[in-house]
Protein backbone atom coordinates (compact mmCIF):
# COMPACT_ATOMS: atom_id res chain seq x y z
CA MET A 1 87.17 99.28 79.78
CA ILE A 2 85.36 101.20 82.49
CA ASN A 3 82.77 98.42 82.74
CA ASN A 4 85.56 95.87 83.20
CA PHE A 5 87.07 98.00 85.95
CA VAL A 6 83.71 98.35 87.72
CA ASP A 7 83.05 94.63 87.37
CA GLY A 8 86.48 93.95 88.83
CA LEU A 9 85.67 96.15 91.82
CA MET A 10 82.45 94.24 92.38
CA ASN A 11 84.03 90.79 92.14
CA TYR A 12 87.66 90.94 93.21
CA GLN A 13 88.76 91.57 96.79
CA PHE A 14 92.29 92.52 95.76
CA LEU A 15 91.00 95.35 93.57
CA GLN A 16 88.75 96.61 96.36
CA ASN A 17 91.74 96.63 98.71
CA ALA A 18 93.79 98.45 96.10
CA LEU A 19 91.14 101.15 95.66
CA ILE A 20 90.73 101.74 99.40
CA THR A 21 94.48 101.95 99.97
CA SER A 22 95.01 104.23 96.98
CA LEU A 23 92.31 106.60 98.19
CA LEU A 24 93.79 106.73 101.68
CA VAL A 25 97.30 107.34 100.34
CA GLY A 26 96.04 110.04 97.98
CA PHE A 27 94.16 111.73 100.83
CA VAL A 28 96.92 111.71 103.44
CA SER A 29 99.60 112.62 100.88
CA GLY A 30 97.50 115.58 99.82
CA ILE A 31 96.91 117.06 103.27
CA LEU A 32 100.51 116.52 104.39
CA GLY A 33 101.95 117.64 101.07
CA ALA A 34 100.39 121.10 101.44
CA PHE A 35 102.66 121.82 104.41
CA ILE A 36 105.63 120.13 102.75
CA ILE A 37 105.67 122.50 99.79
CA LEU A 38 104.85 125.59 101.87
CA ARG A 39 107.88 124.85 104.06
CA GLY A 40 110.12 124.16 101.07
CA MET A 41 110.69 120.61 102.33
CA SER A 42 110.19 118.76 99.06
CA LEU A 43 113.83 117.70 98.89
CA MET A 44 113.67 116.48 102.49
CA GLY A 45 110.60 114.44 101.58
CA ASP A 46 112.47 112.97 98.65
CA ALA A 47 115.35 112.04 100.95
CA ILE A 48 113.12 110.28 103.48
CA SER A 49 111.11 108.41 100.85
CA HIS A 50 114.32 107.04 99.32
CA SER A 51 116.02 106.36 102.63
CA VAL A 52 113.42 103.88 103.82
CA LEU A 53 114.73 101.35 101.26
CA PRO A 54 117.50 99.86 103.47
CA GLY A 55 114.95 99.53 106.27
CA VAL A 56 112.69 97.50 103.99
CA ALA A 57 115.60 95.25 103.03
CA VAL A 58 116.73 94.69 106.63
CA SER A 59 113.16 93.90 107.70
CA TYR A 60 112.78 91.25 105.01
CA MET A 61 116.18 89.75 105.82
CA PHE A 62 115.23 89.28 109.47
CA GLY A 63 111.63 88.27 108.82
CA LEU A 64 110.12 91.45 110.28
CA ASN A 65 107.30 93.63 109.02
CA TYR A 66 108.82 96.19 106.65
CA VAL A 67 107.10 98.99 108.57
CA PHE A 68 109.54 98.78 111.48
CA GLY A 69 112.74 98.93 109.46
CA ALA A 70 111.46 101.53 107.02
CA SER A 71 110.20 103.81 109.81
CA PHE A 72 113.50 103.54 111.68
CA PHE A 73 115.60 104.51 108.66
CA GLY A 74 113.21 107.29 107.69
CA ILE A 75 113.38 108.90 111.13
CA LEU A 76 117.14 108.30 111.26
CA THR A 77 117.49 110.17 107.98
CA ALA A 78 115.63 113.23 109.28
CA ILE A 79 117.67 113.29 112.50
CA LEU A 80 120.97 112.72 110.70
CA ILE A 81 120.33 115.48 108.16
CA GLY A 82 119.42 117.93 110.93
CA TYR A 83 122.46 117.00 113.02
CA ILE A 84 125.00 117.26 110.18
CA THR A 85 123.50 120.56 109.01
CA GLU A 86 123.80 122.05 112.51
CA LYS A 87 127.30 120.73 113.18
CA SER A 88 128.87 121.58 109.80
CA THR A 89 129.15 124.53 107.45
CA LEU A 90 127.41 122.64 104.64
CA LYS A 91 124.07 123.84 103.34
CA ASN A 92 120.97 121.78 104.03
CA ASP A 93 120.41 120.70 100.43
CA THR A 94 123.98 119.41 100.19
CA VAL A 95 123.58 117.31 103.33
CA ILE A 96 120.25 115.97 102.10
CA GLY A 97 121.84 114.88 98.83
CA ILE A 98 124.66 113.07 100.60
CA VAL A 99 122.51 111.28 103.18
CA PHE A 100 119.64 110.15 100.98
CA SER A 101 121.87 108.95 98.12
CA SER A 102 124.02 107.01 100.59
CA PHE A 103 121.04 105.33 102.24
CA PHE A 104 119.43 104.59 98.88
CA ALA A 105 122.65 102.98 97.61
CA LEU A 106 122.85 100.96 100.82
CA GLY A 107 119.28 99.84 100.28
CA ILE A 108 120.02 98.65 96.74
CA ILE A 109 122.91 96.54 98.02
CA LEU A 110 120.91 95.08 100.91
CA ILE A 111 117.97 94.30 98.62
CA SER A 112 120.29 92.18 96.47
CA PHE A 113 120.88 89.94 99.50
CA ALA A 114 117.14 89.71 100.17
CA GLU A 115 116.13 89.20 96.55
CA SER A 116 114.66 85.80 97.24
CA ALA A 117 112.24 87.26 99.77
CA THR A 118 111.10 90.41 98.01
CA ASN A 119 110.84 92.08 94.64
CA LEU A 120 112.94 95.18 94.06
CA TYR A 121 110.73 96.36 91.21
CA HIS A 122 107.61 96.41 93.39
CA ILE A 123 109.46 98.19 96.20
CA LEU A 124 110.70 100.90 93.86
CA PHE A 125 107.52 101.41 91.81
CA GLY A 126 104.70 99.94 93.87
CA ASN A 127 102.25 97.09 93.39
CA VAL A 128 98.93 98.27 94.76
CA LEU A 129 97.11 95.21 93.39
CA ALA A 130 98.99 93.09 95.96
CA VAL A 131 97.72 95.08 98.97
CA ARG A 132 96.67 92.99 101.98
CA ASP A 133 94.08 93.73 104.66
CA SER A 134 96.88 94.55 107.11
CA ASP A 135 98.19 97.19 104.68
CA ILE A 136 94.77 98.85 104.60
CA VAL A 137 94.59 98.95 108.39
CA LEU A 138 98.08 100.42 108.65
CA THR A 139 97.37 103.06 106.00
CA ALA A 140 94.11 103.98 107.75
CA ILE A 141 95.90 104.36 111.10
CA VAL A 142 98.57 106.64 109.60
CA THR A 143 95.87 108.67 107.85
CA VAL A 144 93.92 109.17 111.09
CA ILE A 145 97.06 110.09 113.06
CA SER A 146 98.10 112.63 110.42
CA LEU A 147 94.63 114.14 110.19
CA ILE A 148 94.25 114.48 113.96
CA PHE A 149 97.68 116.10 114.29
CA ILE A 150 96.94 118.64 111.57
CA LEU A 151 93.50 119.45 112.96
CA ILE A 152 94.82 119.97 116.50
CA PHE A 153 97.88 122.01 115.54
CA PHE A 154 96.62 123.71 112.38
CA LYS A 155 97.23 127.27 113.61
CA GLU A 156 100.73 126.41 114.84
CA LEU A 157 101.60 124.61 111.62
CA LYS A 158 100.29 127.54 109.58
CA LEU A 159 102.40 130.08 111.49
CA THR A 160 105.57 127.97 111.52
CA SER A 161 105.15 127.34 107.80
CA PHE A 162 104.66 130.94 106.71
CA ASP A 163 106.83 132.75 109.28
CA PRO A 164 109.07 130.49 111.42
CA VAL A 165 110.93 133.50 112.85
CA MET A 166 107.73 135.05 114.22
CA ALA A 167 106.59 131.63 115.43
CA LYS A 168 109.84 131.21 117.37
CA ALA A 169 109.53 134.71 118.81
CA ALA A 170 105.99 133.84 119.91
CA GLY A 171 107.36 130.90 121.87
CA LEU A 172 106.23 128.11 119.58
CA PRO A 173 108.47 125.00 119.46
CA VAL A 174 109.42 125.35 115.79
CA LYS A 175 111.79 122.37 115.85
CA PHE A 176 109.11 120.15 117.38
CA PHE A 177 106.69 120.84 114.53
CA HIS A 178 109.48 120.39 111.99
CA TYR A 179 110.40 116.94 113.28
CA ALA A 180 106.76 116.01 113.87
CA LEU A 181 106.10 116.62 110.17
CA MET A 182 109.21 114.60 109.36
CA PHE A 183 107.84 111.74 111.45
CA LEU A 184 104.47 111.88 109.70
CA LEU A 185 106.25 112.14 106.36
CA THR A 186 108.15 108.96 107.20
CA LEU A 187 104.95 107.13 108.11
CA VAL A 188 103.27 108.22 104.87
CA ALA A 189 106.33 107.15 102.86
CA VAL A 190 106.21 103.74 104.51
CA VAL A 191 102.50 103.08 103.94
CA SER A 192 102.83 104.34 100.35
CA LEU A 193 105.40 101.69 99.43
CA GLN A 194 102.78 99.25 98.14
CA THR A 195 100.89 101.95 96.25
CA VAL A 196 103.54 104.04 94.47
CA GLY A 197 106.90 102.67 95.65
CA THR A 198 109.86 104.46 97.20
CA ILE A 199 110.87 106.35 94.07
CA LEU A 200 107.48 107.95 93.40
CA VAL A 201 106.31 108.69 96.97
CA ILE A 202 107.58 112.26 96.79
CA SER A 203 105.49 112.85 93.66
CA MET A 204 102.28 112.03 95.53
CA LEU A 205 103.32 114.34 98.35
CA VAL A 206 104.25 117.26 96.13
CA THR A 207 102.28 117.16 92.86
CA PRO A 208 98.67 117.32 94.20
CA ALA A 209 99.70 120.00 96.71
CA ALA A 210 101.49 122.03 94.03
CA THR A 211 98.40 121.77 91.81
CA ALA A 212 96.18 123.01 94.65
CA TYR A 213 98.66 125.83 95.33
CA LEU A 214 98.12 127.12 91.79
CA LEU A 215 94.36 127.08 92.23
CA THR A 216 93.91 128.99 95.50
CA ASP A 217 95.58 131.32 98.01
CA ASN A 218 93.60 129.98 100.97
CA LEU A 219 95.45 127.33 102.99
CA LYS A 220 92.36 125.43 104.11
CA ILE A 221 90.99 125.27 100.58
CA MET A 222 94.44 124.29 99.34
CA ILE A 223 94.56 121.33 101.73
CA VAL A 224 91.08 120.17 100.69
CA LEU A 225 91.88 120.51 96.99
CA SER A 226 95.20 118.75 97.43
CA ALA A 227 93.53 115.80 99.14
CA LEU A 228 90.81 115.61 96.48
CA ILE A 229 93.34 115.75 93.64
CA GLY A 230 95.42 113.07 95.33
CA MET A 231 92.38 110.80 95.68
CA LEU A 232 91.17 111.42 92.13
CA SER A 233 94.66 110.74 90.78
CA SER A 234 94.70 107.47 92.71
CA ILE A 235 91.35 106.33 91.27
CA ILE A 236 92.21 107.19 87.68
CA GLY A 237 95.75 105.85 88.02
CA LEU A 238 94.47 102.58 89.46
CA PHE A 239 92.03 102.29 86.57
CA PHE A 240 94.82 102.51 83.99
CA SER A 241 97.06 100.23 86.04
CA TYR A 242 94.41 97.52 86.19
CA SER A 243 93.18 97.96 82.61
CA TYR A 244 96.58 97.94 80.90
CA ASN A 245 98.64 95.91 83.41
CA LEU A 246 100.95 98.85 84.20
CA ALA A 247 102.87 99.75 87.35
CA SER A 248 100.37 101.38 89.71
CA GLY A 249 102.84 103.95 91.01
CA ALA A 250 103.64 105.23 87.54
CA THR A 251 100.03 105.55 86.42
CA ILE A 252 98.93 107.30 89.62
CA VAL A 253 101.80 109.78 89.52
CA LEU A 254 101.34 110.51 85.81
CA THR A 255 97.66 111.19 86.43
CA ALA A 256 98.61 113.68 89.16
CA ALA A 257 101.10 115.24 86.74
CA VAL A 258 98.34 115.77 84.15
CA PHE A 259 96.24 117.61 86.74
CA PHE A 260 99.25 119.78 87.56
CA LEU A 261 99.82 120.58 83.89
CA LEU A 262 96.19 121.62 83.49
CA ALA A 263 96.42 123.88 86.56
CA PHE A 264 99.74 125.31 85.38
CA LEU A 265 98.19 126.29 82.08
CA PHE A 266 94.60 127.19 83.01
CA ALA A 267 94.50 128.15 86.72
CA PRO A 268 92.24 131.23 87.11
CA LYS A 269 94.88 133.50 88.67
CA LYS A 270 98.23 131.72 88.46
CA GLY A 271 97.84 129.84 85.18
CA LEU A 272 100.33 130.53 82.41
CA ILE A 273 97.68 131.50 79.86
CA VAL A 274 95.98 133.93 82.25
CA ARG A 275 99.28 135.53 83.26
CA ASN A 276 100.31 135.93 79.62
CA ARG A 277 97.01 137.67 78.85
CA LEU A 278 97.41 140.02 81.80
CA SER A 279 100.98 140.89 80.84
CA ARG A 280 99.82 141.91 77.36
CA ASN A 281 97.13 144.28 78.71
């Protein structure tokens, strides 16, 4: 099986494209996901990843690249959630639930009108084996933009993530960094459509980062581990997807989930088994 996979990588361009894209998605999801879970923004990430669906449908209906429509609806979701939360007495999680479910339902309806031009199954669950050269370029661009932003503003992102009140008192533009992460999150959700689909994007953003969180208390190490776990999950998941003709998104996410389970049980300090032993002593 492994030999067949390696042979496929040597001989088939589509599999090479799939591997490169999967690695890039795993990497950028890992580094961005570390800040997503530290800020408690997992639900917001879920909302944005689902809300890009109507943008994909509209793009296909008008013959545009799906990136434009998906990015527009993703950013619109973040802005709309923030606006409604500020202008109403509803809690943030309630607003998120209303907005993302509404946009997702709208996307399902719009996709039905564009069914001849696209495949709903691949949009929802990914089809990394159908990645084109243009998809690789786009994913690489988003990865570079995200990496540069995090490297330049690492200290500010760290402070606004751990103590937003102190960051605001220190004069940092907390809202700017919040919406900047939302923008990057939208871009990652868009470029991940081919790899894991709209439904499973949030898993790639959260699961590797959560696994890394259980393994270390150092933010820099956490980001590195998260990126590595995301990339390794992508490789292994792609292997099973290719070998058994399974949905790439599902196999990649399940691989990441296995790594999380191992960390949850056996992490040196935060693992369940270690904590149970310490509680008995």
